[in-house]
Amino acid sequence: MRSPTEENYLKALFHLSNDKAEANISELSALLQVSKPTVNSMVKNLKKQGLVNYEKYKPLKLTEKGRKAAALVLRKHRLTEMYLVDKMGFGWEEVHDIAEQIEHIDSPVFFERMDELLGYPRVDPHGSPIPDKEGTVEVQTYQSLSNCKPGDKVKLAALMHSSADFLAFLNSRELSLGHELHVVSLESYDGSMVVNYHNHQAETLSKTVCDRLLVEPI
């Protein structure tokens, strides 16, 4: 059984490697908000367990064993978030910190039961894929709303980097997964967009927001 700290390192490396295909000590230190010597010590420990490939001055990479272990922690986290929203009525902005604690429970049958009660969901409340029991993560092919053109009609399918403040912003705009958006116009100066959706007409969204909204064509 791995410690919660070890699992947090694996999950952080998983996220970094998915964003950039590789990671380094400095990036891991910044993400986890711990010192570089502390990160270096933990990475050596994970290397001994066969979870990370690490050589001095070279990028960190999860081994196949390490990537599966990280994905299974992520599976527990995302299943928990889905359960909290779907079965307990929490808002999607409320569930991350709770899931951060529950993801370290070492009880496969507990999470299998949770998966069953939810009807085997493929994504979490933020549209991110839930890894399966083998640690396989479904590849998503969504595009950013920023890449759309005036006249396009799309559906909001997922979010990129769903921080609490970003989710609170979306709540204030009554914008959630599944909403259909019609791109009315694009401002060439700053990349902001005017969109129609649900009961909102001519809503202006900044490029920062549009970059983080992942959509699929209708």
N, C-alpha and C. Protein backbone atom coordinates (compact mmCIF):
# COMPACT_ATOMS: atom_id res chain seq x y z
N MET A 1 0.85 -1.20 0.00
CA MET A 1 0.00 0.00 0.00
C MET A 1 0.88 1.25 0.00
N ARG A 2 0.63 2.17 -0.93
CA ARG A 2 1.41 3.40 -1.01
C ARG A 2 0.82 4.46 -0.09
N SER A 3 1.67 5.36 0.34
CA SER A 3 1.21 6.44 1.21
C SER A 3 0.45 7.48 0.38
N PRO A 4 -0.40 8.28 1.02
CA PRO A 4 -1.08 9.36 0.31
C PRO A 4 -0.10 10.32 -0.38
N THR A 5 1.03 10.57 0.25
CA THR A 5 2.02 11.46 -0.35
C THR A 5 2.57 10.86 -1.64
N GLU A 6 2.89 9.58 -1.61
CA GLU A 6 3.38 8.93 -2.82
C GLU A 6 2.33 8.98 -3.93
N GLU A 7 1.09 8.74 -3.57
CA GLU A 7 0.03 8.78 -4.57
C GLU A 7 -0.15 10.18 -5.14
N ASN A 8 0.01 11.19 -4.29
CA ASN A 8 -0.10 12.57 -4.78
C ASN A 8 1.01 12.90 -5.77
N TYR A 9 2.20 12.40 -5.53
CA TYR A 9 3.31 12.61 -6.46
C TYR A 9 3.02 11.92 -7.80
N LEU A 10 2.54 10.71 -7.73
CA LEU A 10 2.23 9.98 -8.97
C LEU A 10 1.15 10.71 -9.77
N LYS A 11 0.14 11.19 -9.07
CA LYS A 11 -0.96 11.89 -9.76
C LYS A 11 -0.45 13.20 -10.37
N ALA A 12 0.42 13.91 -9.65
CA ALA A 12 0.97 15.16 -10.17
C ALA A 12 1.82 14.90 -11.42
N LEU A 13 2.62 13.84 -11.38
CA LEU A 13 3.43 13.48 -12.55
C LEU A 13 2.55 13.08 -13.72
N PHE A 14 1.46 12.41 -13.43
CA PHE A 14 0.51 12.01 -14.48
C PHE A 14 -0.05 13.25 -15.18
N HIS A 15 -0.46 14.24 -14.39
CA HIS A 15 -1.01 15.47 -14.97
C HIS A 15 0.05 16.22 -15.78
N LEU A 16 1.25 16.34 -15.23
CA LEU A 16 2.31 17.06 -15.93
C LEU A 16 2.70 16.36 -17.22
N SER A 17 2.80 15.03 -17.17
CA SER A 17 3.21 14.30 -18.37
C SER A 17 2.13 14.33 -19.44
N ASN A 18 0.86 14.42 -19.03
CA ASN A 18 -0.21 14.53 -20.01
C ASN A 18 -0.21 15.89 -20.68
N ASP A 19 0.16 16.92 -19.92
CA ASP A 19 0.20 18.28 -20.48
C ASP A 19 1.40 18.48 -21.39
N LYS A 20 2.57 17.92 -21.01
CA LYS A 20 3.80 18.23 -21.74
C LYS A 20 4.58 17.01 -22.21
N ALA A 21 4.07 15.82 -21.92
CA ALA A 21 4.73 14.55 -22.26
C ALA A 21 5.93 14.25 -21.37
N GLU A 22 6.36 15.22 -20.55
CA GLU A 22 7.45 14.97 -19.61
C GLU A 22 7.39 16.03 -18.52
N ALA A 23 8.19 15.85 -17.48
CA ALA A 23 8.18 16.79 -16.38
C ALA A 23 9.58 16.85 -15.76
N ASN A 24 9.82 17.85 -14.92
CA ASN A 24 11.10 17.93 -14.23
C ASN A 24 10.88 18.25 -12.75
N ILE A 25 11.96 18.23 -12.00
CA ILE A 25 11.88 18.44 -10.55
C ILE A 25 11.27 19.80 -10.21
N SER A 26 11.67 20.83 -10.95
CA SER A 26 11.18 22.19 -10.67
C SER A 26 9.67 22.28 -10.86
N GLU A 27 9.16 21.69 -11.94
CA GLU A 27 7.73 21.74 -12.21
C GLU A 27 6.95 20.98 -11.16
N LEU A 28 7.48 19.84 -10.75
CA LEU A 28 6.81 19.04 -9.73
C LEU A 28 6.82 19.77 -8.39
N SER A 29 7.94 20.43 -8.09
CA SER A 29 8.05 21.22 -6.86
C SER A 29 7.02 22.35 -6.84
N ALA A 30 6.88 23.04 -7.97
CA ALA A 30 5.93 24.15 -8.05
C ALA A 30 4.49 23.65 -7.93
N LEU A 31 4.18 22.55 -8.60
CA LEU A 31 2.81 22.03 -8.58
C LEU A 31 2.40 21.56 -7.19
N LEU A 32 3.32 20.88 -6.50
CA LEU A 32 3.00 20.33 -5.18
C LEU A 32 3.32 21.30 -4.04
N GLN A 33 3.98 22.41 -4.38
CA GLN A 33 4.34 23.43 -3.40
C GLN A 33 5.20 22.87 -2.27
N VAL A 34 6.21 22.13 -2.67
CA VAL A 34 7.21 21.62 -1.73
C VAL A 34 8.59 21.91 -2.29
N SER A 35 9.61 21.81 -1.45
CA SER A 35 10.96 22.17 -1.87
C SER A 35 11.53 21.16 -2.87
N LYS A 36 12.49 21.61 -3.66
CA LYS A 36 13.12 20.73 -4.63
C LYS A 36 13.84 19.55 -3.98
N PRO A 37 14.57 19.77 -2.85
CA PRO A 37 15.20 18.61 -2.20
C PRO A 37 14.19 17.57 -1.75
N THR A 38 13.02 18.02 -1.27
CA THR A 38 11.97 17.09 -0.86
C THR A 38 11.46 16.29 -2.05
N VAL A 39 11.24 17.00 -3.16
CA VAL A 39 10.80 16.32 -4.39
C VAL A 39 11.85 15.33 -4.85
N ASN A 40 13.08 15.74 -4.83
CA ASN A 40 14.17 14.87 -5.29
C ASN A 40 14.23 13.58 -4.48
N SER A 41 14.05 13.71 -3.16
CA SER A 41 14.07 12.53 -2.29
C SER A 41 12.91 11.59 -2.60
N MET A 42 11.71 12.15 -2.80
CA MET A 42 10.55 11.32 -3.09
C MET A 42 10.68 10.64 -4.45
N VAL A 43 11.20 11.37 -5.43
CA VAL A 43 11.35 10.80 -6.77
C VAL A 43 12.31 9.61 -6.74
N LYS A 44 13.36 9.71 -5.95
CA LYS A 44 14.29 8.58 -5.81
C LYS A 44 13.59 7.38 -5.19
N ASN A 45 12.71 7.65 -4.23
CA ASN A 45 11.93 6.60 -3.59
C ASN A 45 11.01 5.92 -4.62
N LEU A 46 10.34 6.73 -5.43
CA LEU A 46 9.44 6.19 -6.45
C LEU A 46 10.21 5.41 -7.52
N LYS A 47 11.42 5.85 -7.79
CA LYS A 47 12.26 5.12 -8.74
C LYS A 47 12.59 3.73 -8.21
N LYS A 48 12.91 3.65 -6.92
CA LYS A 48 13.21 2.35 -6.31
C LYS A 48 12.03 1.39 -6.40
N GLN A 49 10.83 1.95 -6.40
CA GLN A 49 9.62 1.11 -6.50
C GLN A 49 9.25 0.77 -7.94
N GLY A 50 10.07 1.26 -8.88
CA GLY A 50 9.80 0.97 -10.28
C GLY A 50 8.66 1.79 -10.87
N LEU A 51 8.38 2.95 -10.25
CA LEU A 51 7.25 3.76 -10.68
C LEU A 51 7.65 4.95 -11.55
N VAL A 52 8.91 5.35 -11.44
CA VAL A 52 9.39 6.53 -12.17
C VAL A 52 10.77 6.25 -12.76
N ASN A 53 10.96 6.70 -13.98
CA ASN A 53 12.29 6.71 -14.58
C ASN A 53 12.93 8.06 -14.27
N TYR A 54 14.09 8.01 -13.61
CA TYR A 54 14.72 9.26 -13.20
C TYR A 54 16.23 9.16 -13.32
N GLU A 55 16.79 10.13 -14.07
CA GLU A 55 18.24 10.31 -14.15
C GLU A 55 18.52 11.78 -13.98
N LYS A 56 19.59 12.11 -13.29
CA LYS A 56 19.91 13.50 -13.00
C LYS A 56 19.99 14.32 -14.28
N TYR A 57 19.37 15.50 -14.24
CA TYR A 57 19.33 16.47 -15.36
C TYR A 57 18.49 15.99 -16.55
N LYS A 58 17.74 14.91 -16.37
CA LYS A 58 16.87 14.45 -17.45
C LYS A 58 15.41 14.50 -16.98
N PRO A 59 14.47 14.59 -17.93
CA PRO A 59 13.05 14.67 -17.55
C PRO A 59 12.59 13.45 -16.77
N LEU A 60 11.62 13.67 -15.90
CA LEU A 60 11.00 12.58 -15.16
C LEU A 60 9.93 11.94 -16.03
N LYS A 61 9.85 10.63 -15.97
CA LYS A 61 8.81 9.93 -16.71
C LYS A 61 8.27 8.79 -15.88
N LEU A 62 6.96 8.66 -15.85
CA LEU A 62 6.35 7.52 -15.19
C LEU A 62 6.62 6.25 -15.98
N THR A 63 6.93 5.18 -15.28
CA THR A 63 7.01 3.88 -15.95
C THR A 63 5.58 3.42 -16.25
N GLU A 64 5.44 2.34 -16.97
CA GLU A 64 4.11 1.82 -17.23
C GLU A 64 3.41 1.46 -15.92
N LYS A 65 4.17 0.88 -14.99
CA LYS A 65 3.62 0.56 -13.67
C LYS A 65 3.20 1.82 -12.94
N GLY A 66 4.02 2.87 -13.03
CA GLY A 66 3.72 4.13 -12.35
C GLY A 66 2.53 4.83 -12.96
N ARG A 67 2.43 4.78 -14.29
CA ARG A 67 1.30 5.42 -14.96
C ARG A 67 -0.02 4.74 -14.60
N LYS A 68 0.00 3.41 -14.51
CA LYS A 68 -1.22 2.71 -14.12
C LYS A 68 -1.60 3.04 -12.68
N ALA A 69 -0.61 3.07 -11.80
CA ALA A 69 -0.89 3.39 -10.39
C ALA A 69 -1.47 4.79 -10.26
N ALA A 70 -0.92 5.75 -11.03
CA ALA A 70 -1.44 7.12 -10.99
C ALA A 70 -2.86 7.19 -11.53
N ALA A 71 -3.12 6.47 -12.61
CA ALA A 71 -4.45 6.48 -13.22
C ALA A 71 -5.49 5.89 -12.28
N LEU A 72 -5.10 4.89 -11.50
CA LEU A 72 -6.05 4.28 -10.57
C LEU A 72 -6.38 5.21 -9.40
N VAL A 73 -5.43 6.04 -8.99
CA VAL A 73 -5.72 7.07 -7.99
C VAL A 73 -6.69 8.09 -8.59
N LEU A 74 -6.41 8.46 -9.83
CA LEU A 74 -7.29 9.40 -10.53
C LEU A 74 -8.69 8.83 -10.70
N ARG A 75 -8.77 7.53 -10.95
CA ARG A 75 -10.09 6.87 -11.07
C ARG A 75 -10.88 7.03 -9.77
N LYS A 76 -10.23 6.80 -8.64
CA LYS A 76 -10.92 6.92 -7.35
C LYS A 76 -11.37 8.36 -7.11
N HIS A 77 -10.52 9.29 -7.48
CA HIS A 77 -10.84 10.70 -7.30
C HIS A 77 -12.06 11.10 -8.14
N ARG A 78 -12.06 10.73 -9.40
CA ARG A 78 -13.13 11.16 -10.30
C ARG A 78 -14.43 10.43 -10.03
N LEU A 79 -14.35 9.17 -9.65
CA LEU A 79 -15.57 8.46 -9.25
C LEU A 79 -16.19 9.12 -8.01
N THR A 80 -15.34 9.49 -7.07
CA THR A 80 -15.82 10.14 -5.85
C THR A 80 -16.50 11.46 -6.18
N GLU A 81 -15.87 12.26 -7.04
CA GLU A 81 -16.48 13.54 -7.43
C GLU A 81 -17.85 13.31 -8.05
N MET A 82 -17.95 12.30 -8.92
CA MET A 82 -19.21 12.01 -9.58
C MET A 82 -20.26 11.57 -8.56
N TYR A 83 -19.86 10.76 -7.61
CA TYR A 83 -20.80 10.28 -6.58
C TYR A 83 -21.30 11.44 -5.73
N LEU A 84 -20.41 12.33 -5.36
CA LEU A 84 -20.79 13.47 -4.53
C LEU A 84 -21.79 14.38 -5.24
N VAL A 85 -21.61 14.56 -6.54
CA VAL A 85 -22.52 15.40 -7.30
C VAL A 85 -23.82 14.68 -7.61
N ASP A 86 -23.70 13.44 -8.12
CA ASP A 86 -24.87 12.72 -8.63
C ASP A 86 -25.76 12.15 -7.53
N LYS A 87 -25.14 11.66 -6.45
CA LYS A 87 -25.90 10.99 -5.40
C LYS A 87 -26.09 11.81 -4.13
N MET A 88 -25.24 12.79 -3.93
CA MET A 88 -25.31 13.55 -2.67
C MET A 88 -25.66 15.01 -2.86
N GLY A 89 -25.75 15.45 -4.11
CA GLY A 89 -26.23 16.80 -4.36
C GLY A 89 -25.21 17.91 -4.17
N PHE A 90 -23.93 17.58 -4.11
CA PHE A 90 -22.91 18.63 -4.03
C PHE A 90 -22.80 19.36 -5.36
N GLY A 91 -22.37 20.62 -5.32
CA GLY A 91 -22.06 21.35 -6.54
C GLY A 91 -20.73 20.90 -7.10
N TRP A 92 -20.56 21.05 -8.41
CA TRP A 92 -19.30 20.60 -9.02
C TRP A 92 -18.09 21.39 -8.53
N GLU A 93 -18.34 22.56 -7.94
CA GLU A 93 -17.26 23.37 -7.39
C GLU A 93 -16.88 22.96 -5.97
N GLU A 94 -17.64 22.04 -5.36
CA GLU A 94 -17.44 21.69 -3.95
C GLU A 94 -16.70 20.38 -3.73
N VAL A 95 -16.50 19.60 -4.78
CA VAL A 95 -16.16 18.19 -4.57
C VAL A 95 -14.66 17.87 -4.60
N HIS A 96 -13.85 18.75 -5.12
CA HIS A 96 -12.43 18.40 -5.31
C HIS A 96 -11.72 18.07 -4.00
N ASP A 97 -11.84 18.95 -3.02
CA ASP A 97 -11.11 18.75 -1.76
C ASP A 97 -11.57 17.49 -1.03
N ILE A 98 -12.86 17.18 -1.11
CA ILE A 98 -13.36 15.96 -0.48
C ILE A 98 -12.78 14.73 -1.18
N ALA A 99 -12.79 14.77 -2.51
CA ALA A 99 -12.26 13.64 -3.29
C ALA A 99 -10.77 13.46 -3.07
N GLU A 100 -10.05 14.55 -2.79
CA GLU A 100 -8.62 14.47 -2.51
C GLU A 100 -8.34 13.59 -1.29
N GLN A 101 -9.27 13.56 -0.36
CA GLN A 101 -9.10 12.73 0.83
C GLN A 101 -9.55 11.28 0.58
N ILE A 102 -10.69 11.13 -0.07
CA ILE A 102 -11.25 9.79 -0.27
C ILE A 102 -10.44 8.96 -1.26
N GLU A 103 -9.75 9.62 -2.19
CA GLU A 103 -8.99 8.89 -3.22
C GLU A 103 -7.90 8.00 -2.65
N HIS A 104 -7.52 8.21 -1.41
CA HIS A 104 -6.43 7.42 -0.82
C HIS A 104 -6.93 6.19 -0.07
N ILE A 105 -8.23 5.95 -0.06
CA ILE A 105 -8.77 4.74 0.58
C ILE A 105 -8.37 3.52 -0.25
N ASP A 106 -7.80 2.54 0.39
CA ASP A 106 -7.34 1.33 -0.31
C ASP A 106 -8.39 0.23 -0.18
N SER A 107 -9.46 0.36 -0.99
CA SER A 107 -10.55 -0.62 -0.95
C SER A 107 -11.17 -0.72 -2.34
N PRO A 108 -10.64 -1.57 -3.21
CA PRO A 108 -11.19 -1.69 -4.57
C PRO A 108 -12.69 -1.96 -4.58
N VAL A 109 -13.18 -2.80 -3.66
CA VAL A 109 -14.60 -3.15 -3.66
C VAL A 109 -15.46 -1.92 -3.36
N PHE A 110 -14.95 -1.01 -2.56
CA PHE A 110 -15.67 0.22 -2.24
C PHE A 110 -15.91 1.05 -3.51
N PHE A 111 -14.86 1.21 -4.30
CA PHE A 111 -14.98 2.03 -5.51
C PHE A 111 -15.70 1.27 -6.63
N GLU A 112 -15.60 -0.03 -6.64
CA GLU A 112 -16.37 -0.81 -7.62
C GLU A 112 -17.87 -0.66 -7.35
N ARG A 113 -18.23 -0.66 -6.06
CA ARG A 113 -19.64 -0.46 -5.70
C ARG A 113 -20.10 0.95 -6.06
N MET A 114 -19.25 1.92 -5.83
CA MET A 114 -19.56 3.30 -6.19
C MET A 114 -19.79 3.41 -7.70
N ASP A 115 -18.92 2.78 -8.47
CA ASP A 115 -19.04 2.78 -9.93
C ASP A 115 -20.37 2.16 -10.36
N GLU A 116 -20.72 1.04 -9.72
CA GLU A 116 -21.97 0.35 -10.05
C GLU A 116 -23.18 1.22 -9.73
N LEU A 117 -23.19 1.85 -8.57
CA LEU A 117 -24.31 2.70 -8.17
C LEU A 117 -24.49 3.89 -9.11
N LEU A 118 -23.39 4.34 -9.68
CA LEU A 118 -23.44 5.47 -10.60
C LEU A 118 -23.82 5.06 -12.02
N GLY A 119 -23.85 3.75 -12.28
CA GLY A 119 -24.16 3.29 -13.63
C GLY A 119 -22.96 3.31 -14.56
N TYR A 120 -21.75 3.16 -13.99
CA TYR A 120 -20.50 3.08 -14.75
C TYR A 120 -20.28 4.32 -15.63
N PRO A 121 -20.19 5.49 -15.02
CA PRO A 121 -19.98 6.71 -15.80
C PRO A 121 -18.61 6.72 -16.48
N ARG A 122 -18.55 7.37 -17.62
CA ARG A 122 -17.29 7.46 -18.36
C ARG A 122 -16.53 8.74 -18.05
N VAL A 123 -17.25 9.75 -17.51
CA VAL A 123 -16.59 11.02 -17.19
C VAL A 123 -17.03 11.50 -15.81
N ASP A 124 -16.25 12.41 -15.25
CA ASP A 124 -16.58 12.98 -13.95
C ASP A 124 -17.45 14.23 -14.13
N PRO A 125 -17.80 14.95 -13.06
CA PRO A 125 -18.70 16.10 -13.21
C PRO A 125 -18.14 17.23 -14.07
N HIS A 126 -16.82 17.20 -14.30
CA HIS A 126 -16.20 18.26 -15.10
C HIS A 126 -15.90 17.80 -16.52
N GLY A 127 -16.37 16.58 -16.85
CA GLY A 127 -16.19 16.07 -18.20
C GLY A 127 -14.87 15.34 -18.43
N SER A 128 -14.06 15.18 -17.39
CA SER A 128 -12.78 14.48 -17.53
C SER A 128 -13.02 12.97 -17.51
N PRO A 129 -12.27 12.21 -18.33
CA PRO A 129 -12.51 10.77 -18.40
C PRO A 129 -12.14 10.06 -17.11
N ILE A 130 -12.96 9.09 -16.72
CA ILE A 130 -12.68 8.27 -15.55
C ILE A 130 -11.92 7.03 -16.02
N PRO A 131 -10.68 6.84 -15.57
CA PRO A 131 -9.93 5.64 -15.97
C PRO A 131 -10.69 4.37 -15.59
N ASP A 132 -10.54 3.31 -16.38
CA ASP A 132 -11.19 2.05 -16.03
C ASP A 132 -10.37 1.30 -14.99
N LYS A 133 -10.82 0.11 -14.62
CA LYS A 133 -10.17 -0.65 -13.53
C LYS A 133 -8.75 -1.08 -13.88
N GLU A 134 -8.39 -1.03 -15.16
CA GLU A 134 -7.03 -1.38 -15.58
C GLU A 134 -6.14 -0.14 -15.69
N GLY A 135 -6.72 1.02 -15.41
CA GLY A 135 -5.95 2.26 -15.50
C GLY A 135 -5.91 2.85 -16.89
N THR A 136 -6.74 2.35 -17.79
CA THR A 136 -6.79 2.89 -19.15
C THR A 136 -7.65 4.15 -19.16
N VAL A 137 -7.12 5.20 -19.77
CA VAL A 137 -7.82 6.48 -19.83
C VAL A 137 -8.28 6.73 -21.27
N GLU A 138 -9.55 6.96 -21.43
CA GLU A 138 -10.10 7.22 -22.77
C GLU A 138 -9.56 8.53 -23.31
N VAL A 139 -9.12 8.51 -24.56
CA VAL A 139 -8.61 9.72 -25.20
C VAL A 139 -9.78 10.57 -25.67
N GLN A 140 -9.79 11.81 -25.26
CA GLN A 140 -10.85 12.73 -25.67
C GLN A 140 -10.38 13.57 -26.86
N THR A 141 -11.29 13.87 -27.75
CA THR A 141 -10.93 14.61 -28.97
C THR A 141 -11.66 15.96 -29.04
N TYR A 142 -12.02 16.50 -27.90
CA TYR A 142 -12.70 17.78 -27.88
C TYR A 142 -11.75 18.90 -28.30
N GLN A 143 -12.32 19.99 -28.76
CA GLN A 143 -11.52 21.17 -29.07
C GLN A 143 -11.90 22.31 -28.14
N SER A 144 -11.02 23.27 -28.00
CA SER A 144 -11.31 24.44 -27.20
C SER A 144 -12.32 25.33 -27.92
N LEU A 145 -13.19 25.97 -27.14
CA LEU A 145 -14.14 26.90 -27.73
C LEU A 145 -13.42 28.00 -28.49
N SER A 146 -12.21 28.34 -28.05
CA SER A 146 -11.42 29.38 -28.71
C SER A 146 -11.14 29.07 -30.17
N ASN A 147 -11.16 27.79 -30.52
CA ASN A 147 -10.87 27.39 -31.91
C ASN A 147 -12.09 27.43 -32.82
N CYS A 148 -13.24 27.76 -32.25
CA CYS A 148 -14.47 27.80 -33.05
C CYS A 148 -14.59 29.13 -33.79
N LYS A 149 -15.49 29.15 -34.76
CA LYS A 149 -15.70 30.33 -35.59
C LYS A 149 -17.13 30.83 -35.44
N PRO A 150 -17.36 32.10 -35.73
CA PRO A 150 -18.74 32.62 -35.71
C PRO A 150 -19.65 31.75 -36.58
N GLY A 151 -20.80 31.43 -36.03
CA GLY A 151 -21.75 30.57 -36.73
C GLY A 151 -21.69 29.13 -36.27
N ASP A 152 -20.60 28.74 -35.60
CA ASP A 152 -20.48 27.36 -35.12
C ASP A 152 -21.48 27.10 -33.99
N LYS A 153 -22.02 25.88 -33.98
CA LYS A 153 -22.88 25.43 -32.89
C LYS A 153 -22.23 24.20 -32.27
N VAL A 154 -21.98 24.27 -30.98
CA VAL A 154 -21.24 23.22 -30.28
C VAL A 154 -21.90 22.92 -28.94
N LYS A 155 -21.48 21.81 -28.34
CA LYS A 155 -21.95 21.44 -27.00
C LYS A 155 -20.78 21.44 -26.04
N LEU A 156 -20.97 22.03 -24.87
CA LEU A 156 -19.93 22.03 -23.84
C LEU A 156 -19.81 20.62 -23.27
N ALA A 157 -18.63 20.00 -23.45
CA ALA A 157 -18.45 18.60 -23.08
C ALA A 157 -17.52 18.40 -21.90
N ALA A 158 -16.59 19.33 -21.68
CA ALA A 158 -15.60 19.14 -20.60
C ALA A 158 -14.94 20.47 -20.31
N LEU A 159 -14.19 20.49 -19.21
CA LEU A 159 -13.45 21.68 -18.80
C LEU A 159 -11.97 21.36 -18.70
N MET A 160 -11.16 22.35 -18.98
CA MET A 160 -9.73 22.21 -18.79
C MET A 160 -9.34 22.94 -17.51
N HIS A 161 -8.66 22.24 -16.58
CA HIS A 161 -8.21 22.83 -15.33
C HIS A 161 -9.39 23.45 -14.57
N SER A 162 -10.22 22.60 -14.02
CA SER A 162 -11.47 23.04 -13.38
C SER A 162 -11.25 23.48 -11.94
N SER A 163 -10.62 24.64 -11.76
CA SER A 163 -10.39 25.18 -10.42
C SER A 163 -11.69 25.69 -9.83
N ALA A 164 -11.72 25.85 -8.52
CA ALA A 164 -12.94 26.27 -7.83
C ALA A 164 -13.40 27.65 -8.29
N ASP A 165 -12.44 28.58 -8.51
CA ASP A 165 -12.84 29.92 -8.94
C ASP A 165 -13.40 29.91 -10.36
N PHE A 166 -12.86 29.05 -11.21
CA PHE A 166 -13.38 28.93 -12.57
C PHE A 166 -14.79 28.35 -12.56
N LEU A 167 -15.00 27.32 -11.74
CA LEU A 167 -16.33 26.72 -11.63
C LEU A 167 -17.34 27.71 -11.06
N ALA A 168 -16.90 28.53 -10.10
CA ALA A 168 -17.79 29.56 -9.54
C ALA A 168 -18.16 30.57 -10.62
N PHE A 169 -17.20 30.91 -11.48
CA PHE A 169 -17.49 31.82 -12.58
C PHE A 169 -18.53 31.23 -13.52
N LEU A 170 -18.37 29.96 -13.87
CA LEU A 170 -19.34 29.32 -14.75
C LEU A 170 -20.72 29.26 -14.10
N ASN A 171 -20.75 29.00 -12.79
CA ASN A 171 -22.03 29.01 -12.09
C ASN A 171 -22.71 30.38 -12.19
N SER A 172 -21.90 31.43 -12.07
CA SER A 172 -22.47 32.79 -12.12
C SER A 172 -23.02 33.10 -13.50
N ARG A 173 -22.53 32.39 -14.52
CA ARG A 173 -23.03 32.57 -15.89
C ARG A 173 -24.05 31.49 -16.27
N GLU A 174 -24.41 30.64 -15.31
CA GLU A 174 -25.36 29.54 -15.55
C GLU A 174 -24.94 28.67 -16.74
N LEU A 175 -23.64 28.39 -16.79
CA LEU A 175 -23.09 27.61 -17.90
C LEU A 175 -22.58 26.28 -17.36
N SER A 176 -23.10 25.18 -17.87
CA SER A 176 -22.71 23.86 -17.38
C SER A 176 -22.58 22.88 -18.54
N LEU A 177 -22.04 21.69 -18.23
CA LEU A 177 -21.85 20.68 -19.26
C LEU A 177 -23.18 20.32 -19.91
N GLY A 178 -23.13 20.09 -21.21
CA GLY A 178 -24.33 19.73 -21.95
C GLY A 178 -25.01 20.90 -22.63
N HIS A 179 -24.69 22.11 -22.20
CA HIS A 179 -25.30 23.28 -22.83
C HIS A 179 -24.81 23.44 -24.27
N GLU A 180 -25.72 23.78 -25.14
CA GLU A 180 -25.37 24.07 -26.52
C GLU A 180 -25.04 25.55 -26.65
N LEU A 181 -23.95 25.83 -27.34
CA LEU A 181 -23.51 27.21 -27.52
C LEU A 181 -23.49 27.56 -29.01
N HIS A 182 -23.97 28.75 -29.31
CA HIS A 182 -23.92 29.27 -30.67
C HIS A 182 -22.95 30.44 -30.67
N VAL A 183 -21.86 30.31 -31.42
CA VAL A 183 -20.86 31.38 -31.48
C VAL A 183 -21.39 32.49 -32.40
N VAL A 184 -21.61 33.65 -31.80
CA VAL A 184 -22.16 34.78 -32.55
C VAL A 184 -21.06 35.59 -33.22
N SER A 185 -20.01 35.89 -32.46
CA SER A 185 -18.92 36.70 -33.01
C SER A 185 -17.63 36.45 -32.24
N LEU A 186 -16.53 36.81 -32.89
CA LEU A 186 -15.20 36.66 -32.30
C LEU A 186 -14.49 38.00 -32.40
N GLU A 187 -13.97 38.50 -31.27
CA GLU A 187 -13.24 39.76 -31.26
C GLU A 187 -11.78 39.50 -31.60
N SER A 188 -11.33 40.01 -32.75
CA SER A 188 -9.96 39.73 -33.21
C SER A 188 -8.92 40.35 -32.29
N TYR A 189 -9.26 41.43 -31.59
CA TYR A 189 -8.27 42.12 -30.77
C TYR A 189 -7.83 41.28 -29.57
N ASP A 190 -8.79 40.73 -28.84
CA ASP A 190 -8.43 40.01 -27.61
C ASP A 190 -8.91 38.57 -27.57
N GLY A 191 -9.53 38.10 -28.65
CA GLY A 191 -9.96 36.70 -28.70
C GLY A 191 -11.22 36.40 -27.91
N SER A 192 -11.88 37.42 -27.37
CA SER A 192 -13.12 37.17 -26.65
C SER A 192 -14.22 36.79 -27.63
N MET A 193 -15.25 36.11 -27.11
CA MET A 193 -16.34 35.64 -27.96
C MET A 193 -17.68 36.09 -27.40
N VAL A 194 -18.61 36.31 -28.31
CA VAL A 194 -20.01 36.51 -27.93
C VAL A 194 -20.75 35.24 -28.31
N VAL A 195 -21.45 34.65 -27.32
CA VAL A 195 -22.14 33.38 -27.55
C VAL A 195 -23.57 33.45 -27.02
N ASN A 196 -24.42 32.63 -27.61
CA ASN A 196 -25.77 32.41 -27.10
C ASN A 196 -25.84 30.99 -26.55
N TYR A 197 -26.51 30.81 -25.41
CA TYR A 197 -26.72 29.47 -24.86
C TYR A 197 -27.87 29.53 -23.85
N HIS A 198 -28.55 28.41 -23.73
CA HIS A 198 -29.62 28.28 -22.72
C HIS A 198 -30.50 29.52 -22.75
N ASN A 199 -30.60 30.23 -21.61
CA ASN A 199 -31.43 31.45 -21.59
C ASN A 199 -30.56 32.71 -21.60
N HIS A 200 -29.33 32.58 -22.09
CA HIS A 200 -28.40 33.72 -22.18
C HIS A 200 -28.20 34.10 -23.64
N GLN A 201 -28.39 35.36 -23.92
CA GLN A 201 -28.17 35.88 -25.27
C GLN A 201 -27.04 36.89 -25.23
N ALA A 202 -26.18 36.81 -26.24
CA ALA A 202 -25.07 37.77 -26.39
C ALA A 202 -24.19 37.84 -25.13
N GLU A 203 -23.84 36.69 -24.60
CA GLU A 203 -22.94 36.62 -23.43
C GLU A 203 -21.50 36.69 -23.93
N THR A 204 -20.73 37.60 -23.37
CA THR A 204 -19.33 37.75 -23.76
C THR A 204 -18.44 36.91 -22.84
N LEU A 205 -17.60 36.08 -23.44
CA LEU A 205 -16.65 35.25 -22.70
C LEU A 205 -15.24 35.61 -23.12
N SER A 206 -14.36 35.79 -22.15
CA SER A 206 -12.96 36.14 -22.46
C SER A 206 -12.24 34.97 -23.10
N LYS A 207 -11.10 35.26 -23.72
CA LYS A 207 -10.31 34.18 -24.33
C LYS A 207 -9.84 33.19 -23.26
N THR A 208 -9.52 33.70 -22.07
CA THR A 208 -9.08 32.81 -20.97
C THR A 208 -10.15 31.77 -20.67
N VAL A 209 -11.40 32.21 -20.63
CA VAL A 209 -12.51 31.30 -20.37
C VAL A 209 -12.71 30.36 -21.55
N CYS A 210 -12.72 30.91 -22.76
CA CYS A 210 -12.94 30.08 -23.96
C CYS A 210 -11.87 29.01 -24.13
N ASP A 211 -10.64 29.33 -23.75
CA ASP A 211 -9.56 28.35 -23.84
C ASP A 211 -9.84 27.13 -22.98
N ARG A 212 -10.56 27.33 -21.88
CA ARG A 212 -10.78 26.25 -20.90
C ARG A 212 -12.11 25.52 -21.07
N LEU A 213 -12.89 25.95 -22.04
CA LEU A 213 -14.15 25.28 -22.34
C LEU A 213 -13.92 24.32 -23.51
N LEU A 214 -14.09 23.02 -23.28
CA LEU A 214 -13.87 22.01 -24.31
C LEU A 214 -15.21 21.60 -24.89
N VAL A 215 -15.31 21.66 -26.20
CA VAL A 215 -16.60 21.48 -26.86
C VAL A 215 -16.51 20.43 -27.97
N GLU A 216 -17.68 19.96 -28.38
CA GLU A 216 -17.79 19.06 -29.52
C GLU A 216 -18.89 19.57 -30.44
N PRO A 217 -18.76 19.32 -31.76
CA PRO A 217 -19.79 19.82 -32.67
C PRO A 217 -21.13 19.15 -32.44
N ILE A 218 -22.18 19.89 -32.70
CA ILE A 218 -23.53 19.33 -32.58
C ILE A 218 -23.89 18.67 -33.91
